[in-house]
Amino acid sequence: MPSYKTEALVLRTAEMGETDRRLDLLSPELGPIRAVARGARKVPSRLGGLLQPFAQVRLLLWRGKTFDGVSQAETIRSFHELRESLEAFAYASVAAEAALALTRPDEEAPRRYRLLLYTFERLARGDRGEPVLAYFLAQLLRIEGFEPAWSACVRCGRPVHGERRFLPSEGGVLCPDCSLRSGQGEPVPEPVARLAEQLGRAGPRSAEALAVDPGLAMAAARTLARALSAVLDRSMKSLELLDIIRHDAEGSAEHGG
């Protein structure tokens, strides 16, 4: 069988059969790869220990009809930190799902790969998840050509100031007149829209230098996630997991746990 080598990020894993593991990978040169690691769930299995969610790996694979097969794997970075914290795992899962959903088969993905790797690195070193996720989503939408219009009405083109109405299905905000006439749009406070726009245009160093309130960053992330869901025509399951984990964490903090 033809074989090939590539670097990849493990975005998602699932059980397959009794001993195999199915993998969704993202390669900078090859884009998304659906693969299977035969016997990865046997004890002991070297492959099973290496092919964990979010790991950055070098792989030797063979071509298959439905799934490619993993012959060899070498860890570049395990990103174990993302699997040892529920919150970090949830934030990384949202980023991984979004990157995978917007990548077409056989499409090179170097910019998407670098953005996702940078996101994992920030989460692994303990950066707050809210601004990291907001930056990732803003940058991903810009890379893919779906950056929302935050400062001008998507219908009439007039500048919009103050609280605005966001219409994800049209990729931007409405001015008060257009919103009133149509009865459409979700209210978005000006600071949220301004932050979402700023993060979409910021480089990594500028984004890290921003002193962003976590609540404001999460509001921006949710607004950007709605824009992404409109592009995908579906909601992201991993965002539901993040909401559950954040809710539990906030409840525990309130009760001193």
Protein backbone atom coordinates (compact mmCIF):
# COMPACT_ATOMS: atom_id res chain seq x y z
CA MET A 1 0.00 0.00 0.00
CA PRO A 2 1.22 3.55 -0.67
CA SER A 3 2.49 5.29 2.45
CA TYR A 4 3.28 8.87 3.40
CA LYS A 5 4.65 10.95 6.26
CA THR A 6 3.15 14.06 7.78
CA GLU A 7 3.04 16.19 10.90
CA ALA A 8 -0.43 16.52 12.41
CA LEU A 9 -2.54 17.58 15.35
CA VAL A 10 -4.91 14.97 16.78
CA LEU A 11 -8.26 16.76 16.87
CA ARG A 12 -10.61 13.98 17.86
CA THR A 13 -10.47 10.30 18.81
CA ALA A 14 -13.13 7.59 19.05
CA GLU A 15 -13.29 3.89 19.80
CA MET A 16 -13.50 1.63 16.75
CA GLY A 17 -14.12 -2.07 17.08
CA GLU A 18 -12.67 -3.80 20.12
CA THR A 19 -9.08 -2.57 20.02
CA ASP A 20 -8.77 0.18 17.38
CA ARG A 21 -8.90 3.96 17.67
CA ARG A 22 -10.34 6.25 15.00
CA LEU A 23 -8.63 9.62 14.56
CA ASP A 24 -9.48 12.98 13.05
CA LEU A 25 -6.18 14.68 12.27
CA LEU A 26 -5.18 18.05 10.84
CA SER A 27 -2.04 18.21 8.73
CA PRO A 28 -0.60 21.53 7.49
CA GLU A 29 0.12 20.10 4.03
CA LEU A 30 -2.76 17.62 3.62
CA GLY A 31 -5.58 19.19 5.63
CA PRO A 32 -7.98 16.83 7.42
CA ILE A 33 -7.09 13.15 7.60
CA ARG A 34 -9.39 10.36 8.77
CA ALA A 35 -7.26 7.56 10.10
CA VAL A 36 -7.36 4.44 12.23
CA ALA A 37 -4.70 3.17 14.62
CA ARG A 38 -5.00 -0.62 14.70
CA GLY A 39 -4.63 -2.11 18.17
CA ALA A 40 -4.16 1.31 19.80
CA ARG A 41 -6.47 0.38 22.68
CA LYS A 42 -4.66 -2.83 23.53
CA VAL A 43 -2.65 -2.89 26.75
CA PRO A 44 0.18 -2.19 26.32
CA SER A 45 0.18 -0.17 23.07
CA ARG A 46 2.77 2.43 22.19
CA LEU A 47 0.46 4.00 19.61
CA GLY A 48 -2.35 4.34 22.12
CA GLY A 49 -0.18 6.37 24.45
CA LEU A 50 0.94 8.74 21.70
CA LEU A 51 -2.30 9.33 19.80
CA GLN A 52 -4.20 11.30 22.42
CA PRO A 53 -6.50 14.29 21.80
CA PHE A 54 -4.64 17.52 20.93
CA ALA A 55 -1.21 15.85 20.64
CA GLN A 56 1.16 17.16 17.98
CA VAL A 57 2.73 14.16 16.24
CA ARG A 58 4.79 12.97 13.28
CA LEU A 59 3.15 10.05 11.52
CA LEU A 60 3.80 7.39 8.93
CA LEU A 61 0.48 6.37 7.40
CA TRP A 62 -0.72 4.04 4.66
CA ARG A 63 -3.50 4.92 2.27
CA GLY A 64 -6.85 3.22 2.77
CA LYS A 65 -10.26 3.40 1.08
CA THR A 66 -12.24 4.89 3.99
CA PHE A 67 -9.57 5.49 6.62
CA ASP A 68 -5.83 5.78 6.31
CA GLY A 69 -3.86 3.64 8.72
CA VAL A 70 -1.21 4.70 11.22
CA SER A 71 1.98 2.66 10.94
CA GLN A 72 4.29 4.73 13.15
CA ALA A 73 3.91 7.75 15.43
CA GLU A 74 6.32 10.09 17.18
CA THR A 75 5.32 12.78 19.66
CA ILE A 76 6.39 16.35 18.97
CA ARG A 77 4.42 17.68 21.92
CA SER A 78 1.82 15.75 23.89
CA PHE A 79 -0.13 18.77 25.24
CA HIS A 80 -1.04 16.65 28.26
CA GLU A 81 -2.02 19.87 30.05
CA LEU A 82 -5.11 20.08 27.85
CA ARG A 83 -6.28 16.66 28.97
CA GLU A 84 -5.58 17.19 32.67
CA SER A 85 -7.89 20.20 33.07
CA LEU A 86 -11.58 19.98 32.22
CA GLU A 87 -11.75 23.66 31.26
CA ALA A 88 -8.64 23.51 29.07
CA PHE A 89 -10.00 20.34 27.44
CA ALA A 90 -13.31 22.06 26.70
CA TYR A 91 -11.72 25.19 25.20
CA ALA A 92 -9.35 23.07 23.09
CA SER A 93 -12.29 20.94 21.93
CA VAL A 94 -14.17 23.99 20.64
CA ALA A 95 -11.10 25.14 18.71
CA ALA A 96 -10.48 21.65 17.30
CA GLU A 97 -14.10 21.17 16.20
CA ALA A 98 -14.21 24.58 14.53
CA ALA A 99 -10.94 24.04 12.66
CA LEU A 100 -12.01 20.60 11.48
CA ALA A 101 -15.47 21.73 10.41
CA LEU A 102 -14.14 24.52 8.20
CA THR A 103 -11.45 22.42 6.51
CA ARG A 104 -12.43 20.72 3.25
CA PRO A 105 -10.96 17.32 2.31
CA ASP A 106 -7.65 17.45 0.42
CA GLU A 107 -7.23 21.14 1.28
CA GLU A 108 -3.90 22.42 2.54
CA ALA A 109 -4.29 24.10 5.93
CA PRO A 110 -0.98 25.70 7.03
CA ARG A 111 -2.53 28.88 8.48
CA ARG A 112 -5.30 27.00 10.21
CA TYR A 113 -2.78 24.51 11.58
CA ARG A 114 -0.50 27.24 12.95
CA LEU A 115 -3.46 29.05 14.54
CA LEU A 116 -4.69 25.89 16.22
CA LEU A 117 -1.19 24.99 17.42
CA TYR A 118 -0.78 28.50 18.87
CA THR A 119 -4.14 28.14 20.62
CA PHE A 120 -3.12 24.82 22.18
CA GLU A 121 0.19 26.36 23.30
CA ARG A 122 -1.55 29.25 25.06
CA LEU A 123 -4.05 26.97 26.79
CA ALA A 124 -1.26 24.58 27.82
CA ARG A 125 0.72 27.35 29.51
CA GLY A 126 -2.33 28.34 31.54
CA ASP A 127 -3.66 31.43 29.74
CA ARG A 128 -7.31 32.26 30.44
CA GLY A 129 -9.49 30.29 28.07
CA GLU A 130 -12.00 33.05 27.30
CA PRO A 131 -9.65 35.47 25.46
CA VAL A 132 -7.76 32.57 23.87
CA LEU A 133 -10.98 31.16 22.39
CA ALA A 134 -12.25 34.58 21.29
CA TYR A 135 -8.97 35.26 19.49
CA PHE A 136 -8.99 31.84 17.84
CA LEU A 137 -12.55 32.22 16.53
CA ALA A 138 -11.97 35.78 15.31
CA GLN A 139 -8.81 34.74 13.47
CA LEU A 140 -10.33 31.55 12.04
CA LEU A 141 -13.29 33.45 10.58
CA ARG A 142 -10.91 35.99 9.05
CA ILE A 143 -8.64 33.30 7.57
CA GLU A 144 -11.62 31.57 5.98
CA GLY A 145 -13.07 34.79 4.59
CA PHE A 146 -16.07 34.89 6.93
CA GLU A 147 -15.02 37.77 9.20
CA PRO A 148 -18.22 39.56 10.29
CA ALA A 149 -18.76 43.23 9.51
CA TRP A 150 -18.87 44.96 12.90
CA SER A 151 -18.73 48.68 12.06
CA ALA A 152 -21.00 49.11 9.04
CA CYS A 153 -24.51 47.86 8.30
CA VAL A 154 -24.44 44.79 6.04
CA ARG A 155 -27.57 46.03 4.24
CA CYS A 156 -27.22 49.77 3.74
CA GLY A 157 -23.50 50.21 4.44
CA ARG A 158 -23.93 53.04 6.95
CA PRO A 159 -21.59 53.19 9.98
CA VAL A 160 -23.05 51.69 13.13
CA HIS A 161 -22.26 53.05 16.60
CA GLY A 162 -23.24 51.98 20.10
CA GLU A 163 -25.20 48.79 20.70
CA ARG A 164 -25.91 47.08 17.41
CA ARG A 165 -27.92 44.16 16.09
CA PHE A 166 -25.94 41.19 14.82
CA LEU A 167 -27.37 39.01 12.06
CA PRO A 168 -25.18 35.88 11.79
CA SER A 169 -26.91 34.62 8.65
CA GLU A 170 -25.78 37.77 6.78
CA GLY A 171 -22.35 37.99 8.38
CA GLY A 172 -22.55 41.31 10.15
CA VAL A 173 -24.47 43.98 12.01
CA LEU A 174 -27.53 46.02 11.11
CA CYS A 175 -28.00 49.72 11.68
CA PRO A 176 -31.00 50.73 13.83
CA ASP A 177 -33.12 51.61 10.78
CA CYS A 178 -32.52 48.32 8.95
CA SER A 179 -32.99 46.36 12.15
CA LEU A 180 -36.24 48.17 12.94
CA ARG A 181 -37.63 47.60 9.45
CA SER A 182 -36.76 43.91 9.41
CA GLY A 183 -37.23 43.06 13.07
CA GLN A 184 -34.07 40.98 12.81
CA GLY A 185 -30.77 40.79 14.62
CA GLU A 186 -29.45 39.92 18.07
CA PRO A 187 -28.36 42.76 20.36
CA VAL A 188 -24.59 43.03 20.75
CA PRO A 189 -23.11 45.64 23.14
CA GLU A 190 -20.56 47.95 21.58
CA PRO A 191 -17.62 46.67 23.73
CA VAL A 192 -18.30 43.11 22.56
CA ALA A 193 -18.44 44.07 18.88
CA ARG A 194 -15.36 46.26 19.25
CA LEU A 195 -13.38 43.45 20.91
CA ALA A 196 -14.44 40.89 18.29
CA GLU A 197 -13.31 43.24 15.52
CA GLN A 198 -10.05 44.06 17.32
CA LEU A 199 -9.17 40.39 17.84
CA GLY A 200 -9.82 39.61 14.19
CA ARG A 201 -7.19 42.15 13.16
CA ALA A 202 -4.63 41.64 15.94
CA GLY A 203 -1.43 39.67 15.68
CA PRO A 204 -0.56 37.16 18.42
CA ARG A 205 1.61 39.57 20.43
CA SER A 206 -0.99 42.34 20.28
CA ALA A 207 -3.74 39.94 21.32
CA GLU A 208 -1.73 38.66 24.29
CA ALA A 209 -0.96 42.22 25.39
CA LEU A 210 -4.65 43.12 25.62
CA ALA A 211 -6.00 43.33 29.17
CA VAL A 212 -9.37 41.78 28.44
CA ASP A 213 -12.04 41.11 31.04
CA PRO A 214 -12.85 37.36 30.90
CA GLY A 215 -16.60 38.03 30.85
CA LEU A 216 -16.26 40.41 27.90
CA ALA A 217 -13.99 37.94 26.10
CA MET A 218 -16.50 35.13 26.60
CA ALA A 219 -19.31 37.31 25.28
CA ALA A 220 -17.20 38.02 22.18
CA ALA A 221 -16.42 34.31 21.81
CA ARG A 222 -20.12 33.42 21.95
CA THR A 223 -20.96 36.06 19.35
CA LEU A 224 -18.18 34.79 17.09
CA ALA A 225 -19.38 31.21 17.64
CA ARG A 226 -22.83 32.25 16.41
CA ALA A 227 -21.20 33.63 13.27
CA LEU A 228 -19.37 30.34 12.79
CA SER A 229 -22.54 28.31 13.40
CA ALA A 230 -24.26 30.31 10.67
CA VAL A 231 -21.45 29.42 8.25
CA LEU A 232 -21.64 25.74 9.23
CA ASP A 233 -25.46 25.75 9.39
CA ARG A 234 -25.29 23.92 12.71
CA SER A 235 -24.33 24.55 16.30
CA MET A 236 -21.07 23.22 17.74
CA LYS A 237 -21.45 20.33 20.20
CA SER A 238 -18.20 21.16 21.98
CA LEU A 239 -19.53 24.61 22.88
CA GLU A 240 -22.35 22.92 24.80
CA LEU A 241 -19.74 20.93 26.76
CA LEU A 242 -17.85 24.14 27.52
CA ASP A 243 -21.04 25.77 28.82
CA ILE A 244 -21.70 22.83 31.16
CA ILE A 245 -18.15 22.85 32.52
CA ARG A 246 -18.11 26.62 32.99
CA HIS A 247 -21.49 26.51 34.73
CA ASP A 248 -20.31 23.80 37.11
CA ALA A 249 -17.07 25.67 37.82
CA GLU A 250 -18.91 28.91 38.54
CA GLY A 251 -21.37 27.11 40.80
CA SER A 252 -18.52 25.48 42.72
CA ALA A 253 -16.79 28.85 43.14
CA GLU A 254 -19.96 30.46 44.47
CA HIS A 255 -20.24 27.73 47.12
CA GLY A 256 -16.57 27.91 48.03
CA GLY A 257 -15.77 24.53 46.49
